[in-house]
Amino acid sequence: MNANRFSFTVRSATLGSCFKVIRSCQIVLLLGVIGVVVTTTTAATDVDSRGAEDPSRLIEMLHSDDASEANYAGTRLIERVDTPGSLIATCLYDTSGSVARYGCAEVLANWPASKSEEILKEAIEHYPVELRVDRKFRRFMIGSLGRLKSSTAVPFLERLLELESDFETRRAIRWALEQTTGNKYGESYDPWMEGR
């Protein structure tokens, strides 16, 4: 009889310990969740302290040598469609930081065409083709314009293709036209014009 009583006591104690352990785990998990919420809130506050809501500050951050900060700024600007287009346009003409220029062109490629198409067209026409570095950036902006897939950009791109002599830039224009129209554009201008 004493053996059975001991066995019952041990089992009860073991079950009681399990419930205490489970209860302790629940409390730890609850505190862990609270900790995650607190950490997330703190992280969001840190993000806001970096200037997340100030578009001009985000554009400054595009110039950062810290890739994560520049990527963060670019991502936030893409999300912030309410950013004045003039701020982004100014960044396109900034020759001191090529990374920032490319970042701004990428932002425009991800914004609605109604807001970014004219900014890209003006910048493409602005950049002189004499400077190699500007030709490369100009091709990037042409690609950004193509990514918008805006049918209203087609006449501009066709005119650009007709006037352009640089092979690489012509290739970028053809790619942009193909992205926009879904049609293949050949090397020369005439054959695909006749098919229209």
Protein backbone atom coordinates (compact mmCIF):
# COMPACT_ATOMS: atom_id res chain seq x y z
CA MET A 1 0.00 0.00 0.00
CA ASN A 2 2.80 2.41 0.79
CA ALA A 3 4.38 1.61 -2.56
CA ASN A 4 1.17 2.57 -4.39
CA ARG A 5 0.87 5.75 -2.39
CA PHE A 6 4.47 6.69 -3.21
CA SER A 7 3.89 5.97 -6.88
CA PHE A 8 0.80 8.19 -6.87
CA THR A 9 2.70 10.94 -5.09
CA VAL A 10 5.57 10.76 -7.55
CA ARG A 11 3.16 10.80 -10.49
CA SER A 12 1.30 13.76 -9.00
CA ALA A 13 4.50 15.59 -8.33
CA THR A 14 5.71 14.88 -11.87
CA LEU A 15 2.45 16.06 -13.42
CA GLY A 16 2.44 19.09 -11.15
CA SER A 17 6.01 19.89 -12.20
CA CYS A 18 5.04 19.54 -15.86
CA PHE A 19 2.19 21.99 -15.42
CA LYS A 20 4.52 24.40 -13.65
CA VAL A 21 7.07 24.03 -16.47
CA ILE A 22 4.36 24.54 -19.11
CA ARG A 23 3.06 27.59 -17.23
CA SER A 24 6.63 28.94 -16.98
CA CYS A 25 7.10 28.40 -20.74
CA GLN A 26 3.87 30.25 -21.45
CA ILE A 27 5.03 33.17 -19.35
CA VAL A 28 8.45 33.16 -21.06
CA LEU A 29 6.78 33.00 -24.49
CA LEU A 30 4.45 35.83 -23.54
CA LEU A 31 7.38 37.92 -22.37
CA GLY A 32 9.22 36.97 -25.54
CA VAL A 33 6.33 38.22 -27.66
CA ILE A 34 6.20 41.42 -25.66
CA GLY A 35 9.94 41.73 -26.17
CA VAL A 36 9.51 41.30 -29.92
CA VAL A 37 6.80 43.94 -29.96
CA VAL A 38 8.99 46.29 -27.95
CA THR A 39 11.96 45.57 -30.21
CA THR A 40 9.87 46.10 -33.34
CA THR A 41 8.52 49.36 -31.99
CA THR A 42 12.03 50.48 -31.12
CA ALA A 43 13.25 49.52 -34.60
CA ALA A 44 10.42 51.49 -36.18
CA THR A 45 11.38 54.46 -34.05
CA ASP A 46 15.01 54.08 -35.19
CA VAL A 47 13.85 54.01 -38.80
CA ASP A 48 11.85 57.18 -38.28
CA SER A 49 14.86 58.84 -36.65
CA ARG A 50 16.79 58.22 -39.89
CA GLY A 51 14.41 60.60 -41.64
CA ALA A 52 11.97 58.11 -43.15
CA GLU A 53 9.25 60.67 -43.58
CA ASP A 54 11.36 63.45 -45.04
CA PRO A 55 11.85 62.93 -48.81
CA SER A 56 14.76 65.36 -49.04
CA ARG A 57 16.51 63.45 -46.23
CA LEU A 58 15.87 60.17 -48.07
CA ILE A 59 17.49 61.62 -51.20
CA GLU A 60 20.49 62.66 -49.11
CA MET A 61 20.67 59.10 -47.82
CA LEU A 62 20.94 57.82 -51.39
CA HIS A 63 24.40 59.43 -51.43
CA SER A 64 25.49 57.31 -48.46
CA ASP A 65 28.51 55.03 -48.69
CA ASP A 66 26.54 52.63 -46.53
CA ALA A 67 24.75 50.37 -49.01
CA SER A 68 22.04 49.38 -46.53
CA GLU A 69 21.21 53.03 -45.85
CA ALA A 70 21.09 53.85 -49.57
CA ASN A 71 18.90 50.79 -50.26
CA TYR A 72 16.61 51.76 -47.40
CA ALA A 73 16.28 55.29 -48.79
CA GLY A 74 15.54 54.02 -52.30
CA THR A 75 12.92 51.60 -51.03
CA ARG A 76 11.23 54.28 -48.94
CA LEU A 77 11.21 56.70 -51.88
CA ILE A 78 9.60 54.05 -54.09
CA GLU A 79 6.89 53.68 -51.44
CA ARG A 80 6.54 57.45 -51.08
CA VAL A 81 4.81 58.28 -54.36
CA ASP A 82 3.73 61.55 -52.75
CA THR A 83 7.36 62.75 -52.88
CA PRO A 84 7.56 65.85 -55.11
CA GLY A 85 8.84 64.87 -58.54
CA SER A 86 11.05 67.95 -58.54
CA LEU A 87 13.13 66.47 -55.70
CA ILE A 88 13.77 63.31 -57.68
CA ALA A 89 14.44 65.29 -60.86
CA THR A 90 17.07 67.37 -59.06
CA CYS A 91 18.76 64.16 -57.97
CA LEU A 92 18.96 62.95 -61.60
CA TYR A 93 21.11 65.96 -62.49
CA ASP A 94 23.44 65.62 -59.52
CA THR A 95 26.79 64.59 -60.95
CA SER A 96 28.51 64.37 -57.56
CA GLY A 97 26.94 61.05 -56.67
CA SER A 98 26.32 58.57 -59.44
CA VAL A 99 24.84 56.04 -57.01
CA ALA A 100 22.21 58.56 -56.00
CA ARG A 101 21.41 59.34 -59.66
CA TYR A 102 20.88 55.65 -60.42
CA GLY A 103 18.81 55.31 -57.25
CA CYS A 104 16.54 58.16 -58.31
CA ALA A 105 16.10 56.68 -61.80
CA GLU A 106 15.16 53.38 -60.16
CA VAL A 107 12.61 55.15 -57.97
CA LEU A 108 11.05 56.75 -61.06
CA ALA A 109 10.89 53.38 -62.83
CA ASN A 110 8.78 52.09 -59.95
CA TRP A 111 6.45 55.05 -59.65
CA PRO A 112 3.31 55.44 -61.77
CA ALA A 113 4.08 56.60 -65.31
CA SER A 114 1.76 59.57 -64.88
CA LYS A 115 4.18 60.98 -62.33
CA SER A 116 7.59 59.92 -63.60
CA GLU A 117 7.45 59.71 -67.40
CA GLU A 118 7.96 63.43 -68.10
CA ILE A 119 10.76 63.68 -65.53
CA LEU A 120 12.63 60.83 -67.22
CA LYS A 121 12.09 62.23 -70.73
CA GLU A 122 13.47 65.64 -69.76
CA ALA A 123 16.48 64.08 -68.07
CA ILE A 124 17.18 61.80 -71.05
CA GLU A 125 17.17 64.82 -73.36
CA HIS A 126 19.34 66.80 -70.95
CA TYR A 127 22.30 64.44 -70.67
CA PRO A 128 24.95 65.13 -73.29
CA VAL A 129 25.98 62.10 -75.29
CA GLU A 130 29.60 63.25 -75.49
CA LEU A 131 30.49 62.13 -71.98
CA ARG A 132 30.81 58.36 -71.64
CA VAL A 133 29.61 58.33 -68.03
CA ASP A 134 26.55 60.34 -68.99
CA ARG A 135 25.80 58.03 -71.93
CA LYS A 136 25.76 55.08 -69.55
CA PHE A 137 23.42 56.85 -67.15
CA ARG A 138 21.29 58.02 -70.06
CA ARG A 139 20.89 54.39 -71.17
CA PHE A 140 19.86 53.48 -67.64
CA MET A 141 17.19 56.19 -67.65
CA ILE A 142 15.95 54.96 -71.04
CA GLY A 143 15.60 51.51 -69.48
CA SER A 144 13.70 53.06 -66.57
CA LEU A 145 11.35 54.73 -69.04
CA GLY A 146 10.80 51.38 -70.75
CA ARG A 147 9.98 49.73 -67.44
CA LEU A 148 7.10 52.16 -67.02
CA LYS A 149 5.46 50.53 -70.08
CA SER A 150 3.71 53.78 -70.88
CA SER A 151 2.28 53.97 -74.38
CA THR A 152 2.62 57.75 -74.34
CA ALA A 153 6.42 57.31 -74.21
CA VAL A 154 6.51 55.43 -77.54
CA PRO A 155 6.68 58.52 -79.85
CA PHE A 156 9.48 59.95 -77.70
CA LEU A 157 11.43 56.68 -77.81
CA GLU A 158 10.88 56.30 -81.57
CA ARG A 159 12.18 59.82 -82.19
CA LEU A 160 15.14 59.11 -79.93
CA LEU A 161 15.92 55.91 -81.85
CA GLU A 162 15.76 57.74 -85.16
CA LEU A 163 18.25 60.37 -84.00
CA GLU A 164 20.60 58.21 -81.92
CA SER A 165 23.90 57.00 -83.40
CA ASP A 166 25.47 55.22 -80.39
CA PHE A 167 24.99 51.45 -80.75
CA GLU A 168 24.56 50.74 -77.02
CA THR A 169 22.07 53.57 -76.59
CA ARG A 170 20.11 52.37 -79.64
CA ARG A 171 19.98 48.92 -78.08
CA ALA A 172 18.63 50.42 -74.83
CA ILE A 173 15.99 52.36 -76.77
CA ARG A 174 14.91 49.23 -78.67
CA TRP A 175 14.64 47.34 -75.38
CA ALA A 176 12.51 50.14 -73.89
CA LEU A 177 10.26 50.12 -76.96
CA GLU A 178 9.90 46.34 -76.78
CA GLN A 179 8.99 46.54 -73.10
CA THR A 180 6.44 49.25 -73.79
CA THR A 181 4.78 47.88 -76.92
CA GLY A 182 5.43 44.15 -76.76
CA ASN A 183 6.74 44.34 -80.38
CA LYS A 184 10.24 43.39 -81.49
CA TYR A 185 12.28 46.29 -82.81
CA GLY A 186 15.05 45.51 -85.26
CA GLU A 187 18.43 47.12 -85.63
CA SER A 188 17.34 49.59 -88.29
CA TYR A 189 14.51 52.02 -87.88
CA ASP A 190 12.83 51.62 -91.28
CA PRO A 191 11.76 47.96 -91.39
CA TRP A 192 9.63 48.08 -88.27
CA MET A 193 8.18 51.48 -89.23
CA GLU A 194 6.93 50.09 -92.52
CA GLY A 195 5.08 47.29 -90.72
CA ARG A 196 2.91 49.77 -88.86
